[in-house]
All heavy atoms as atom14 arrays in JSON, in Angstrom:
{
  "sequence": "SGGGLVQPGGSLRLSCTVSRFTLDYYAMGWFRQAPG",
  "atom14_mask": [
    [1, 1, 1, 1, 1, 1, 0, 0, 0, 0, 0, 0, 0, 0],
    [1, 1, 1, 1, 0, 0, 0, 0, 0, 0, 0, 0, 0, 0],
    [1, 1, 1, 1, 0, 0, 0, 0, 0, 0, 0, 0, 0, 0],
    [1, 1, 1, 1, 0, 0, 0, 0, 0, 0, 0, 0, 0, 0],
    [1, 1, 1, 1, 1, 1, 1, 1, 0, 0, 0, 0, 0, 0],
    [1, 1, 1, 1, 1, 1, 1, 0, 0, 0, 0, 0, 0, 0],
    [1, 1, 1, 1, 1, 1, 1, 1, 1, 0, 0, 0, 0, 0],
    [1, 1, 1, 1, 1, 1, 1, 0, 0, 0, 0, 0, 0, 0],
    [1, 1, 1, 1, 0, 0, 0, 0, 0, 0, 0, 0, 0, 0],
    [1, 1, 1, 1, 0, 0, 0, 0, 0, 0, 0, 0, 0, 0],
    [1, 1, 1, 1, 1, 1, 0, 0, 0, 0, 0, 0, 0, 0],
    [1, 1, 1, 1, 1, 1, 1, 1, 0, 0, 0, 0, 0, 0],
    [1, 1, 1, 1, 1, 1, 1, 1, 1, 1, 1, 0, 0, 0],
    [1, 1, 1, 1, 1, 1, 1, 1, 0, 0, 0, 0, 0, 0],
    [1, 1, 1, 1, 1, 1, 0, 0, 0, 0, 0, 0, 0, 0],
    [1, 1, 1, 1, 1, 1, 0, 0, 0, 0, 0, 0, 0, 0],
    [1, 1, 1, 1, 1, 1, 1, 0, 0, 0, 0, 0, 0, 0],
    [1, 1, 1, 1, 1, 1, 1, 0, 0, 0, 0, 0, 0, 0],
    [1, 1, 1, 1, 1, 1, 0, 0, 0, 0, 0, 0, 0, 0],
    [1, 1, 1, 1, 1, 1, 1, 1, 1, 1, 1, 0, 0, 0],
    [1, 1, 1, 1, 1, 1, 1, 1, 1, 1, 1, 0, 0, 0],
    [1, 1, 1, 1, 1, 1, 1, 0, 0, 0, 0, 0, 0, 0],
    [1, 1, 1, 1, 1, 1, 1, 1, 0, 0, 0, 0, 0, 0],
    [1, 1, 1, 1, 1, 1, 1, 1, 0, 0, 0, 0, 0, 0],
    [1, 1, 1, 1, 1, 1, 1, 1, 1, 1, 1, 1, 0, 0],
    [1, 1, 1, 1, 1, 1, 1, 1, 1, 1, 1, 1, 0, 0],
    [1, 1, 1, 1, 1, 0, 0, 0, 0, 0, 0, 0, 0, 0],
    [1, 1, 1, 1, 1, 1, 1, 1, 0, 0, 0, 0, 0, 0],
    [1, 1, 1, 1, 0, 0, 0, 0, 0, 0, 0, 0, 0, 0],
    [1, 1, 1, 1, 1, 1, 1, 1, 1, 1, 1, 1, 1, 1],
    [1, 1, 1, 1, 1, 1, 1, 1, 1, 1, 1, 0, 0, 0],
    [1, 1, 1, 1, 1, 1, 1, 1, 1, 1, 1, 0, 0, 0],
    [1, 1, 1, 1, 1, 1, 1, 1, 1, 0, 0, 0, 0, 0],
    [1, 1, 1, 1, 1, 0, 0, 0, 0, 0, 0, 0, 0, 0],
    [1, 1, 1, 1, 1, 1, 1, 0, 0, 0, 0, 0, 0, 0],
    [1, 1, 1, 1, 0, 0, 0, 0, 0, 0, 0, 0, 0, 0]
  ],
  "atom14_positions": [
    [[93.47, 152.72, 119.83], [92.5, 153.6, 120.45], [92.75, 153.63, 121.95], [93.49, 152.81, 122.48], [91.07, 153.15, 120.16], [90.82, 151.87, 120.71], [0.0, 0.0, 0.0], [0.0, 0.0, 0.0], [0.0, 0.0, 0.0], [0.0, 0.0, 0.0], [0.0, 0.0, 0.0], [0.0, 0.0, 0.0], [0.0, 0.0, 0.0], [0.0, 0.0, 0.0]],
    [[92.13, 154.59, 122.62], [92.22, 154.66, 124.07], [93.14, 155.74, 124.61], [93.2, 155.93, 125.83], [0.0, 0.0, 0.0], [0.0, 0.0, 0.0], [0.0, 0.0, 0.0], [0.0, 0.0, 0.0], [0.0, 0.0, 0.0], [0.0, 0.0, 0.0], [0.0, 0.0, 0.0], [0.0, 0.0, 0.0], [0.0, 0.0, 0.0], [0.0, 0.0, 0.0]],
    [[93.85, 156.42, 123.74], [94.71, 157.49, 124.2], [93.91, 158.7, 124.66], [92.7, 158.77, 124.48], [0.0, 0.0, 0.0], [0.0, 0.0, 0.0], [0.0, 0.0, 0.0], [0.0, 0.0, 0.0], [0.0, 0.0, 0.0], [0.0, 0.0, 0.0], [0.0, 0.0, 0.0], [0.0, 0.0, 0.0], [0.0, 0.0, 0.0], [0.0, 0.0, 0.0]],
    [[94.62, 159.63, 125.26], [93.97, 160.83, 125.74], [94.83, 161.57, 126.74], [96.02, 161.29, 126.88], [0.0, 0.0, 0.0], [0.0, 0.0, 0.0], [0.0, 0.0, 0.0], [0.0, 0.0, 0.0], [0.0, 0.0, 0.0], [0.0, 0.0, 0.0], [0.0, 0.0, 0.0], [0.0, 0.0, 0.0], [0.0, 0.0, 0.0], [0.0, 0.0, 0.0]],
    [[94.21, 162.5, 127.43], [94.87, 163.3, 128.44], [94.57, 162.74, 129.82], [93.4, 162.51, 130.16], [94.4, 164.76, 128.35], [94.92, 165.72, 129.41], [96.43, 165.88, 129.31], [94.22, 167.06, 129.26], [0.0, 0.0, 0.0], [0.0, 0.0, 0.0], [0.0, 0.0, 0.0], [0.0, 0.0, 0.0], [0.0, 0.0, 0.0], [0.0, 0.0, 0.0]],
    [[95.6, 162.55, 130.61], [95.44, 162.01, 131.95], [96.43, 162.7, 132.88], [97.51, 163.1, 132.46], [95.63, 160.48, 131.96], [97.06, 160.11, 131.57], [95.27, 159.89, 133.31], [0.0, 0.0, 0.0], [0.0, 0.0, 0.0], [0.0, 0.0, 0.0], [0.0, 0.0, 0.0], [0.0, 0.0, 0.0], [0.0, 0.0, 0.0], [0.0, 0.0, 0.0]],
    [[96.05, 162.85, 134.14], [96.94, 163.46, 135.11], [97.99, 162.47, 135.59], [97.78, 161.25, 135.53], [96.14, 163.97, 136.3], [95.21, 165.12, 135.96], [94.59, 165.75, 137.19], [94.81, 165.32, 138.31], [93.8, 166.78, 136.98], [0.0, 0.0, 0.0], [0.0, 0.0, 0.0], [0.0, 0.0, 0.0], [0.0, 0.0, 0.0], [0.0, 0.0, 0.0]],
    [[99.12, 162.96, 136.06], [100.13, 162.05, 136.61], [99.54, 161.14, 137.68], [98.76, 161.58, 138.52], [101.18, 163.0, 137.2], [101.05, 164.23, 136.37], [99.58, 164.36, 136.06], [0.0, 0.0, 0.0], [0.0, 0.0, 0.0], [0.0, 0.0, 0.0], [0.0, 0.0, 0.0], [0.0, 0.0, 0.0], [0.0, 0.0, 0.0], [0.0, 0.0, 0.0]],
    [[99.92, 159.88, 137.63], [99.38, 158.89, 138.54], [98.13, 158.2, 138.04], [97.69, 157.21, 138.64], [0.0, 0.0, 0.0], [0.0, 0.0, 0.0], [0.0, 0.0, 0.0], [0.0, 0.0, 0.0], [0.0, 0.0, 0.0], [0.0, 0.0, 0.0], [0.0, 0.0, 0.0], [0.0, 0.0, 0.0], [0.0, 0.0, 0.0], [0.0, 0.0, 0.0]],
    [[97.58, 158.69, 136.96], [96.37, 158.12, 136.41], [96.63, 156.9, 135.55], [97.76, 156.45, 135.4], [0.0, 0.0, 0.0], [0.0, 0.0, 0.0], [0.0, 0.0, 0.0], [0.0, 0.0, 0.0], [0.0, 0.0, 0.0], [0.0, 0.0, 0.0], [0.0, 0.0, 0.0], [0.0, 0.0, 0.0], [0.0, 0.0, 0.0], [0.0, 0.0, 0.0]],
    [[95.55, 156.38, 134.98], [95.62, 155.16, 134.19], [94.9, 155.32, 132.86], [93.94, 156.09, 132.74], [94.97, 153.99, 134.94], [95.65, 153.71, 136.15], [0.0, 0.0, 0.0], [0.0, 0.0, 0.0], [0.0, 0.0, 0.0], [0.0, 0.0, 0.0], [0.0, 0.0, 0.0], [0.0, 0.0, 0.0], [0.0, 0.0, 0.0], [0.0, 0.0, 0.0]],
    [[95.37, 154.59, 131.88], [94.72, 154.47, 130.59], [94.9, 153.05, 130.09], [95.87, 152.39, 130.43], [95.33, 155.43, 129.56], [95.01, 156.91, 129.65], [95.86, 157.67, 128.64], [93.54, 157.17, 129.4], [0.0, 0.0, 0.0], [0.0, 0.0, 0.0], [0.0, 0.0, 0.0], [0.0, 0.0, 0.0], [0.0, 0.0, 0.0], [0.0, 0.0, 0.0]],
    [[93.96, 152.6, 129.29], [94.11, 151.33, 128.6], [94.03, 151.57, 127.11], [93.01, 152.04, 126.6], [93.05, 150.31, 129.02], [93.34, 148.91, 128.44], [92.32, 147.88, 128.82], [91.09, 148.01, 128.05], [90.19, 147.05, 127.9], [90.37, 145.87, 128.5], [89.09, 147.28, 127.2], [0.0, 0.0, 0.0], [0.0, 0.0, 0.0], [0.0, 0.0, 0.0]],
    [[95.1, 151.23, 126.43], [95.14, 151.32, 124.99], [94.69, 150.01, 124.38], [94.99, 148.93, 124.9], [96.54, 151.66, 124.49], [97.2, 152.91, 125.07], [98.55, 153.14, 124.41], [96.31, 154.13, 124.92], [0.0, 0.0, 0.0], [0.0, 0.0, 0.0], [0.0, 0.0, 0.0], [0.0, 0.0, 0.0], [0.0, 0.0, 0.0], [0.0, 0.0, 0.0]],
    [[94.0, 150.1, 123.26], [93.57, 148.93, 122.53], [94.1, 148.98, 121.12], [94.23, 150.05, 120.52], [92.04, 148.84, 122.49], [91.5, 148.71, 123.79], [0.0, 0.0, 0.0], [0.0, 0.0, 0.0], [0.0, 0.0, 0.0], [0.0, 0.0, 0.0], [0.0, 0.0, 0.0], [0.0, 0.0, 0.0], [0.0, 0.0, 0.0], [0.0, 0.0, 0.0]],
    [[94.39, 147.83, 120.58], [94.83, 147.68, 119.2], [93.92, 146.67, 118.54], [93.89, 145.5, 118.95], [96.28, 147.24, 119.14], [96.91, 146.9, 117.48], [0.0, 0.0, 0.0], [0.0, 0.0, 0.0], [0.0, 0.0, 0.0], [0.0, 0.0, 0.0], [0.0, 0.0, 0.0], [0.0, 0.0, 0.0], [0.0, 0.0, 0.0], [0.0, 0.0, 0.0]],
    [[93.18, 147.11, 117.55], [92.29, 146.24, 116.81], [92.98, 145.78, 115.54], [93.44, 146.61, 114.74], [90.98, 146.96, 116.47], [90.35, 147.4, 117.66], [90.04, 146.03, 115.72], [0.0, 0.0, 0.0], [0.0, 0.0, 0.0], [0.0, 0.0, 0.0], [0.0, 0.0, 0.0], [0.0, 0.0, 0.0], [0.0, 0.0, 0.0], [0.0, 0.0, 0.0]],
    [[93.05, 144.48, 115.35], [93.78, 143.88, 114.23], [92.8, 143.37, 113.19], [91.81, 142.72, 113.53], [94.68, 142.73, 114.72], [95.41, 142.09, 113.55], [95.67, 143.24, 115.75], [0.0, 0.0, 0.0], [0.0, 0.0, 0.0], [0.0, 0.0, 0.0], [0.0, 0.0, 0.0], [0.0, 0.0, 0.0], [0.0, 0.0, 0.0], [0.0, 0.0, 0.0]],
    [[93.09, 143.67, 111.95], [92.29, 143.16, 110.84], [93.21, 142.74, 109.71], [94.41, 143.04, 109.72], [91.29, 144.21, 110.36], [91.96, 145.35, 109.85], [0.0, 0.0, 0.0], [0.0, 0.0, 0.0], [0.0, 0.0, 0.0], [0.0, 0.0, 0.0], [0.0, 0.0, 0.0], [0.0, 0.0, 0.0], [0.0, 0.0, 0.0], [0.0, 0.0, 0.0]],
    [[92.66, 142.02, 108.77], [93.35, 141.63, 107.54], [94.42, 140.56, 107.73], [95.04, 140.14, 106.75], [93.94, 142.85, 106.82], [92.89, 143.86, 106.39], [93.51, 145.13, 105.89], [94.39, 144.9, 104.76], [95.17, 145.83, 104.22], [95.17, 147.07, 104.72], [95.95, 145.54, 103.2], [0.0, 0.0, 0.0], [0.0, 0.0, 0.0], [0.0, 0.0, 0.0]],
    [[94.65, 140.11, 108.92], [95.52, 138.97, 109.15], [95.13, 138.29, 110.45], [94.47, 138.88, 111.3], [97.01, 139.33, 109.12], [97.45, 140.29, 110.2], [97.85, 139.82, 111.43], [97.49, 141.65, 109.96], [98.29, 140.69, 112.41], [97.93, 142.53, 110.92], [98.33, 142.05, 112.15], [0.0, 0.0, 0.0], [0.0, 0.0, 0.0], [0.0, 0.0, 0.0]],
    [[95.58, 137.06, 110.6], [95.27, 136.27, 111.79], [96.25, 136.62, 112.89], [97.46, 136.44, 112.74], [95.32, 134.78, 111.48], [94.41, 134.48, 110.43], [94.95, 133.96, 112.71], [0.0, 0.0, 0.0], [0.0, 0.0, 0.0], [0.0, 0.0, 0.0], [0.0, 0.0, 0.0], [0.0, 0.0, 0.0], [0.0, 0.0, 0.0], [0.0, 0.0, 0.0]],
    [[95.74, 137.1, 113.99], [96.58, 137.65, 115.03], [97.56, 136.63, 115.61], [98.7, 136.98, 115.93], [95.72, 138.24, 116.15], [96.45, 138.91, 117.3], [97.3, 140.08, 116.8], [95.46, 139.39, 118.35], [0.0, 0.0, 0.0], [0.0, 0.0, 0.0], [0.0, 0.0, 0.0], [0.0, 0.0, 0.0], [0.0, 0.0, 0.0], [0.0, 0.0, 0.0]],
    [[97.16, 135.38, 115.75], [98.01, 134.41, 116.43], [99.24, 134.0, 115.64], [100.05, 133.22, 116.14], [97.21, 133.2, 116.89], [96.5, 132.46, 115.77], [96.67, 132.84, 114.6], [95.77, 131.51, 116.08], [0.0, 0.0, 0.0], [0.0, 0.0, 0.0], [0.0, 0.0, 0.0], [0.0, 0.0, 0.0], [0.0, 0.0, 0.0], [0.0, 0.0, 0.0]],
    [[99.42, 134.51, 114.43], [100.66, 134.28, 113.68], [101.73, 135.32, 114.03], [102.86, 135.22, 113.53], [100.4, 134.34, 112.17], [99.7, 133.13, 111.62], [98.37, 133.18, 111.25], [100.39, 131.93, 111.46], [97.73, 132.07, 110.73], [99.75, 130.81, 110.94], [98.42, 130.89, 110.58], [97.79, 129.79, 110.06], [0.0, 0.0, 0.0], [0.0, 0.0, 0.0]],
    [[101.41, 136.29, 114.86], [102.3, 137.4, 115.12], [102.52, 137.63, 116.61], [101.59, 137.6, 117.4], [101.74, 138.69, 114.51], [101.59, 138.64, 113.02], [100.44, 138.12, 112.43], [102.6, 139.12, 112.19], [100.31, 138.07, 111.05], [102.47, 139.08, 110.81], [101.33, 138.55, 110.25], [101.21, 138.51, 108.89], [0.0, 0.0, 0.0], [0.0, 0.0, 0.0]],
    [[103.79, 137.87, 116.95], [104.05, 138.52, 118.22], [103.65, 139.99, 118.07], [103.66, 140.54, 116.96], [105.53, 138.41, 118.59], [0.0, 0.0, 0.0], [0.0, 0.0, 0.0], [0.0, 0.0, 0.0], [0.0, 0.0, 0.0], [0.0, 0.0, 0.0], [0.0, 0.0, 0.0], [0.0, 0.0, 0.0], [0.0, 0.0, 0.0], [0.0, 0.0, 0.0]],
    [[103.29, 140.61, 119.17], [102.8, 141.97, 119.12], [103.57, 142.85, 120.09], [104.01, 142.4, 121.15], [101.31, 142.02, 119.46], [100.43, 141.22, 118.52], [100.43, 141.86, 116.82], [99.65, 143.46, 117.05], [0.0, 0.0, 0.0], [0.0, 0.0, 0.0], [0.0, 0.0, 0.0], [0.0, 0.0, 0.0], [0.0, 0.0, 0.0], [0.0, 0.0, 0.0]],
    [[103.7, 144.11, 119.72], [104.41, 145.04, 120.56], [103.76, 146.4, 120.6], [102.96, 146.75, 119.73], [0.0, 0.0, 0.0], [0.0, 0.0, 0.0], [0.0, 0.0, 0.0], [0.0, 0.0, 0.0], [0.0, 0.0, 0.0], [0.0, 0.0, 0.0], [0.0, 0.0, 0.0], [0.0, 0.0, 0.0], [0.0, 0.0, 0.0], [0.0, 0.0, 0.0]],
    [[104.11, 147.14, 121.63], [103.77, 148.54, 121.75], [105.05, 149.36, 121.79], [105.99, 149.01, 122.51], [102.95, 148.83, 123.0], [101.53, 148.34, 122.95], [101.04, 147.17, 123.4], [100.42, 149.06, 122.4], [99.69, 147.09, 123.19], [99.28, 148.24, 122.57], [100.27, 150.3, 121.8], [98.0, 148.63, 122.15], [99.01, 150.69, 121.38], [97.9, 149.86, 121.55]],
    [[105.07, 150.41, 121.01], [106.18, 151.36, 120.98], [105.62, 152.76, 121.18], [104.43, 152.99, 121.02], [106.93, 151.28, 119.66], [107.65, 149.98, 119.45], [106.98, 148.84, 119.06], [109.02, 149.9, 119.64], [107.64, 147.64, 118.86], [109.7, 148.71, 119.44], [109.01, 147.58, 119.06], [0.0, 0.0, 0.0], [0.0, 0.0, 0.0], [0.0, 0.0, 0.0]],
    [[106.49, 153.67, 121.5], [106.06, 155.05, 121.64], [107.14, 155.99, 121.11], [108.32, 155.65, 121.07], [105.73, 155.39, 123.1], [106.92, 155.34, 124.05], [106.45, 155.48, 125.49], [107.57, 155.49, 126.43], [107.43, 155.47, 127.74], [106.21, 155.42, 128.28], [108.5, 155.48, 128.53], [0.0, 0.0, 0.0], [0.0, 0.0, 0.0], [0.0, 0.0, 0.0]],
    [[106.71, 157.17, 120.74], [107.63, 158.16, 120.23], [107.21, 159.54, 120.71], [106.09, 159.98, 120.45], [107.69, 158.14, 118.7], [108.79, 159.0, 118.12], [109.09, 158.67, 116.67], [108.26, 158.09, 115.97], [110.27, 159.04, 116.21], [0.0, 0.0, 0.0], [0.0, 0.0, 0.0], [0.0, 0.0, 0.0], [0.0, 0.0, 0.0], [0.0, 0.0, 0.0]],
    [[108.1, 160.18, 121.42], [107.89, 161.53, 121.91], [108.61, 162.52, 121.01], [109.57, 162.15, 120.3], [108.39, 161.66, 123.34], [0.0, 0.0, 0.0], [0.0, 0.0, 0.0], [0.0, 0.0, 0.0], [0.0, 0.0, 0.0], [0.0, 0.0, 0.0], [0.0, 0.0, 0.0], [0.0, 0.0, 0.0], [0.0, 0.0, 0.0], [0.0, 0.0, 0.0]],
    [[108.2, 163.78, 121.01], [108.87, 164.78, 120.18], [110.37, 164.83, 120.46], [110.8, 164.88, 121.61], [108.19, 166.08, 120.58], [106.83, 165.66, 121.02], [107.04, 164.35, 121.72], [0.0, 0.0, 0.0], [0.0, 0.0, 0.0], [0.0, 0.0, 0.0], [0.0, 0.0, 0.0], [0.0, 0.0, 0.0], [0.0, 0.0, 0.0], [0.0, 0.0, 0.0]],
    [[111.16, 164.81, 119.39], [112.59, 164.9, 119.53], [113.28, 163.61, 119.92], [114.5, 163.61, 120.13], [0.0, 0.0, 0.0], [0.0, 0.0, 0.0], [0.0, 0.0, 0.0], [0.0, 0.0, 0.0], [0.0, 0.0, 0.0], [0.0, 0.0, 0.0], [0.0, 0.0, 0.0], [0.0, 0.0, 0.0], [0.0, 0.0, 0.0], [0.0, 0.0, 0.0]]
  ]
}
């Protein structure tokens, strides 16, 4: 959650809510994919 439209130079904070497993057993990452 936390995505949206922002102007260049602006800020956003993305959040990832984890369920169904214990978070501290996993390293975590963020990836992104743009069109093409």
